[in-house]
């Protein structure tokens, strides 16, 4: 069985509450998930581009898990996109679009309450609006961009109960990407 690749980007996983909890839960299912923590693998932030591209090529289901702040994900995630999604590999007429057709989604933790991150509030935008750059990028490289998973309110509700409540929701979301659960085309 092929695993779902979970690329986790968190600049301070040791002090994380929810992303660390999600990581610990994912580690319970090594048969389902290939966990790849960018800050752990690349503490110097110097990517092995060929290794990263090979990892992508080996998986058909890819989740990018990260905390969302300052209207984007962690800087290392942006650096990963900038350096790994190269012309001639991820896009371009001779690239073969190596990300093409792969199911891709975001798993996002947010400090804000969902009702604060809406159009018409002082923040002006909702998460759908703010994730359009990701959607556009994945469309450009011909990936099969899927709806994201978002868990709000960590700044306001960091209780153990609130964090625990997220776990079955996240695992249920990830089960949609489990290759075992895909419909088989018999045509």
Protein backbone atom coordinates (compact mmCIF):
# COMPACT_ATOMS: atom_id res chain seq x y z
CA UNK A 1 0.00 0.00 0.00
CA UNK A 2 1.25 3.46 -0.82
CA UNK A 3 1.30 5.91 2.03
CA UNK A 4 0.10 9.48 2.22
CA UNK A 5 3.05 11.84 2.45
CA UNK A 6 2.63 14.41 5.23
CA UNK A 7 5.07 17.30 4.86
CA UNK A 8 5.10 19.10 8.19
CA UNK A 9 6.53 22.56 8.54
CA UNK A 10 6.62 24.04 12.02
CA UNK A 11 9.41 26.35 13.21
CA UNK A 12 9.07 25.29 16.86
CA UNK A 13 7.55 21.82 17.06
CA UNK A 14 8.82 21.26 20.60
CA UNK A 15 6.63 24.09 21.87
CA UNK A 16 3.73 23.42 19.54
CA UNK A 17 0.47 22.30 21.05
CA UNK A 18 -1.71 21.14 18.19
CA UNK A 19 0.81 20.32 15.45
CA UNK A 20 2.82 18.27 17.92
CA UNK A 21 -0.36 16.41 18.93
CA UNK A 22 -1.21 15.75 15.27
CA UNK A 23 2.34 14.52 14.67
CA UNK A 24 2.14 12.09 17.61
CA UNK A 25 -1.17 10.75 16.30
CA UNK A 26 0.22 10.31 12.77
CA UNK A 27 3.18 8.39 14.17
CA UNK A 28 0.72 5.75 15.41
CA UNK A 29 -0.03 4.81 11.78
CA UNK A 30 3.30 4.17 10.03
CA UNK A 31 1.50 1.92 7.57
CA UNK A 32 -0.62 4.88 6.37
CA UNK A 33 1.59 7.94 6.63
CA UNK A 34 5.09 8.91 5.58
CA UNK A 35 5.92 11.84 7.87
CA UNK A 36 8.47 14.35 6.61
CA UNK A 37 9.29 17.22 8.99
CA UNK A 38 11.13 19.93 7.10
CA UNK A 39 12.55 21.72 10.15
CA UNK A 40 13.86 18.43 11.54
CA UNK A 41 15.34 17.12 8.29
CA UNK A 42 16.79 20.51 7.28
CA UNK A 43 17.76 22.45 10.42
CA UNK A 44 20.15 24.46 8.23
CA UNK A 45 17.28 25.10 5.77
CA UNK A 46 19.36 23.81 2.87
CA UNK A 47 17.24 21.37 0.92
CA UNK A 48 18.43 18.33 -0.96
CA UNK A 49 16.32 19.22 -3.99
CA UNK A 50 16.79 15.89 -5.76
CA UNK A 51 15.79 13.96 -2.61
CA UNK A 52 12.74 16.16 -2.09
CA UNK A 53 11.63 15.73 -5.69
CA UNK A 54 12.13 11.96 -5.48
CA UNK A 55 10.01 11.87 -2.33
CA UNK A 56 7.20 13.66 -4.16
CA UNK A 57 7.50 11.32 -7.14
CA UNK A 58 7.09 8.32 -4.79
CA UNK A 59 3.74 9.51 -3.41
CA UNK A 60 0.38 10.21 -5.03
CA UNK A 61 -1.24 11.81 -1.95
CA UNK A 62 0.50 14.75 -0.29
CA UNK A 63 -0.59 16.84 2.67
CA UNK A 64 1.17 20.01 3.76
CA UNK A 65 0.62 20.44 7.51
CA UNK A 66 1.53 23.77 9.10
CA UNK A 67 0.46 26.60 11.41
CA UNK A 68 -0.98 29.63 9.63
CA UNK A 69 0.15 33.07 10.79
CA UNK A 70 0.81 36.45 9.26
CA UNK A 71 -1.42 35.46 6.36
CA UNK A 72 0.76 32.57 5.23
CA UNK A 73 2.51 29.42 6.32
CA UNK A 74 6.02 29.21 7.77
CA UNK A 75 8.85 30.73 5.77
CA UNK A 76 10.53 27.34 5.34
CA UNK A 77 7.45 26.05 3.52
CA UNK A 78 7.59 28.96 1.06
CA UNK A 79 11.32 28.31 0.60
CA UNK A 80 10.52 24.63 -0.08
CA UNK A 81 7.99 25.59 -2.77
CA UNK A 82 10.44 28.08 -4.29
CA UNK A 83 13.33 25.62 -4.46
CA UNK A 84 11.72 22.21 -5.00
CA UNK A 85 9.08 23.15 -7.56
CA UNK A 86 11.62 23.83 -10.27
CA UNK A 87 11.09 24.64 -13.91
CA UNK A 88 11.75 21.49 -15.89
CA UNK A 89 10.50 19.27 -13.05
CA UNK A 90 7.25 20.71 -11.65
CA UNK A 91 6.28 22.89 -14.60
CA UNK A 92 7.34 23.89 -18.07
CA UNK A 93 6.72 22.32 -21.44
CA UNK A 94 9.47 19.72 -21.03
CA UNK A 95 8.91 19.05 -17.32
CA UNK A 96 6.51 16.16 -17.43
CA UNK A 97 4.73 17.97 -14.58
CA UNK A 98 5.99 15.57 -11.90
CA UNK A 99 3.38 16.87 -9.43
CA UNK A 100 0.66 16.43 -12.05
CA UNK A 101 -2.39 14.49 -10.94
CA UNK A 102 -1.17 14.01 -7.37
CA UNK A 103 -3.83 14.72 -4.74
CA UNK A 104 -2.61 17.63 -2.65
CA UNK A 105 -4.17 19.38 0.34
CA UNK A 106 -3.34 21.67 3.22
CA UNK A 107 -3.82 20.87 6.91
CA UNK A 108 -3.75 24.17 8.74
CA UNK A 109 -3.85 25.14 12.40
CA UNK A 110 -4.86 28.70 13.23
CA UNK A 111 -4.77 30.76 16.39
CA UNK A 112 -7.81 32.82 15.41
CA UNK A 113 -11.39 31.81 15.92
CA UNK A 114 -13.11 31.02 12.63
CA UNK A 115 -15.67 33.81 13.07
CA UNK A 116 -12.86 36.38 13.29
CA UNK A 117 -11.37 35.29 9.97
CA UNK A 118 -14.28 36.24 7.73
CA UNK A 119 -15.13 38.80 5.12
CA UNK A 120 -16.68 41.85 6.74
CA UNK A 121 -14.53 41.58 9.88
CA UNK A 122 -11.50 43.80 10.56
CA UNK A 123 -9.33 41.03 9.08
CA UNK A 124 -11.29 41.38 5.76
CA UNK A 125 -10.72 37.87 4.40
CA UNK A 126 -11.65 34.28 5.13
CA UNK A 127 -9.35 31.30 4.85
CA UNK A 128 -10.68 30.40 1.40
CA UNK A 129 -9.52 33.81 0.19
CA UNK A 130 -6.16 33.50 1.90
CA UNK A 131 -5.37 30.06 0.51
CA UNK A 132 -5.95 31.04 -3.12
CA UNK A 133 -2.19 31.43 -3.74
CA UNK A 134 -1.70 27.78 -2.76
CA UNK A 135 -4.55 26.72 -5.01
CA UNK A 136 -3.15 28.77 -7.91
CA UNK A 137 0.33 27.30 -7.41
CA UNK A 138 -0.95 23.72 -7.33
CA UNK A 139 -3.09 24.40 -10.39
CA UNK A 140 -0.02 25.73 -12.21
CA UNK A 141 1.87 22.50 -11.60
CA UNK A 142 -1.22 20.42 -12.48
CA UNK A 143 -1.65 18.87 -9.03
CA UNK A 144 -5.13 17.77 -7.98
CA UNK A 145 -5.74 20.38 -5.26
CA UNK A 146 -8.26 19.22 -2.68
CA UNK A 147 -10.19 21.17 -0.02
CA UNK A 148 -8.08 22.00 3.02
CA UNK A 149 -8.47 21.00 6.65
CA UNK A 150 -8.44 23.89 9.11
CA UNK A 151 -8.63 23.88 12.88
CA UNK A 152 -9.19 27.29 14.41
CA UNK A 153 -8.91 28.94 17.78
CA UNK A 154 -5.65 27.78 19.33
CA UNK A 155 -4.95 31.24 20.76
CA UNK A 156 -8.37 31.36 22.37
CA UNK A 157 -8.88 27.70 23.26
CA UNK A 158 -5.57 25.94 23.87
CA UNK A 159 -7.13 23.49 26.31
CA UNK A 160 -6.33 19.81 26.13
CA UNK A 161 -9.99 19.10 25.31
CA UNK A 162 -9.92 21.51 22.36
CA UNK A 163 -6.75 19.93 21.01
CA UNK A 164 -8.09 16.39 21.52
CA UNK A 165 -11.26 17.33 19.67
CA UNK A 166 -9.17 18.07 16.56
CA UNK A 167 -7.55 14.64 16.36
CA UNK A 168 -10.47 12.54 15.03
CA UNK A 169 -11.41 15.37 12.68
CA UNK A 170 -7.89 15.48 11.25
CA UNK A 171 -7.62 11.69 10.95
CA UNK A 172 -11.00 11.55 9.22
CA UNK A 173 -9.81 14.22 6.78
CA UNK A 174 -6.62 12.24 6.09
CA UNK A 175 -8.55 9.04 5.50
CA UNK A 176 -9.93 10.64 2.34
CA UNK A 177 -6.36 10.63 1.04
CA UNK A 178 -5.59 7.06 2.00
CA UNK A 179 -4.92 5.26 -1.30
CA UNK A 180 -6.84 2.26 0.07
CA UNK A 181 -10.00 4.35 0.18
CA UNK A 182 -9.85 5.45 -3.45
CA UNK A 183 -12.43 4.12 -5.79
CA UNK A 184 -11.08 1.63 -8.25
CA UNK A 185 -11.84 2.43 -11.87
CA UNK A 186 -12.84 -0.86 -13.52
CA UNK A 187 -13.70 0.60 -16.90
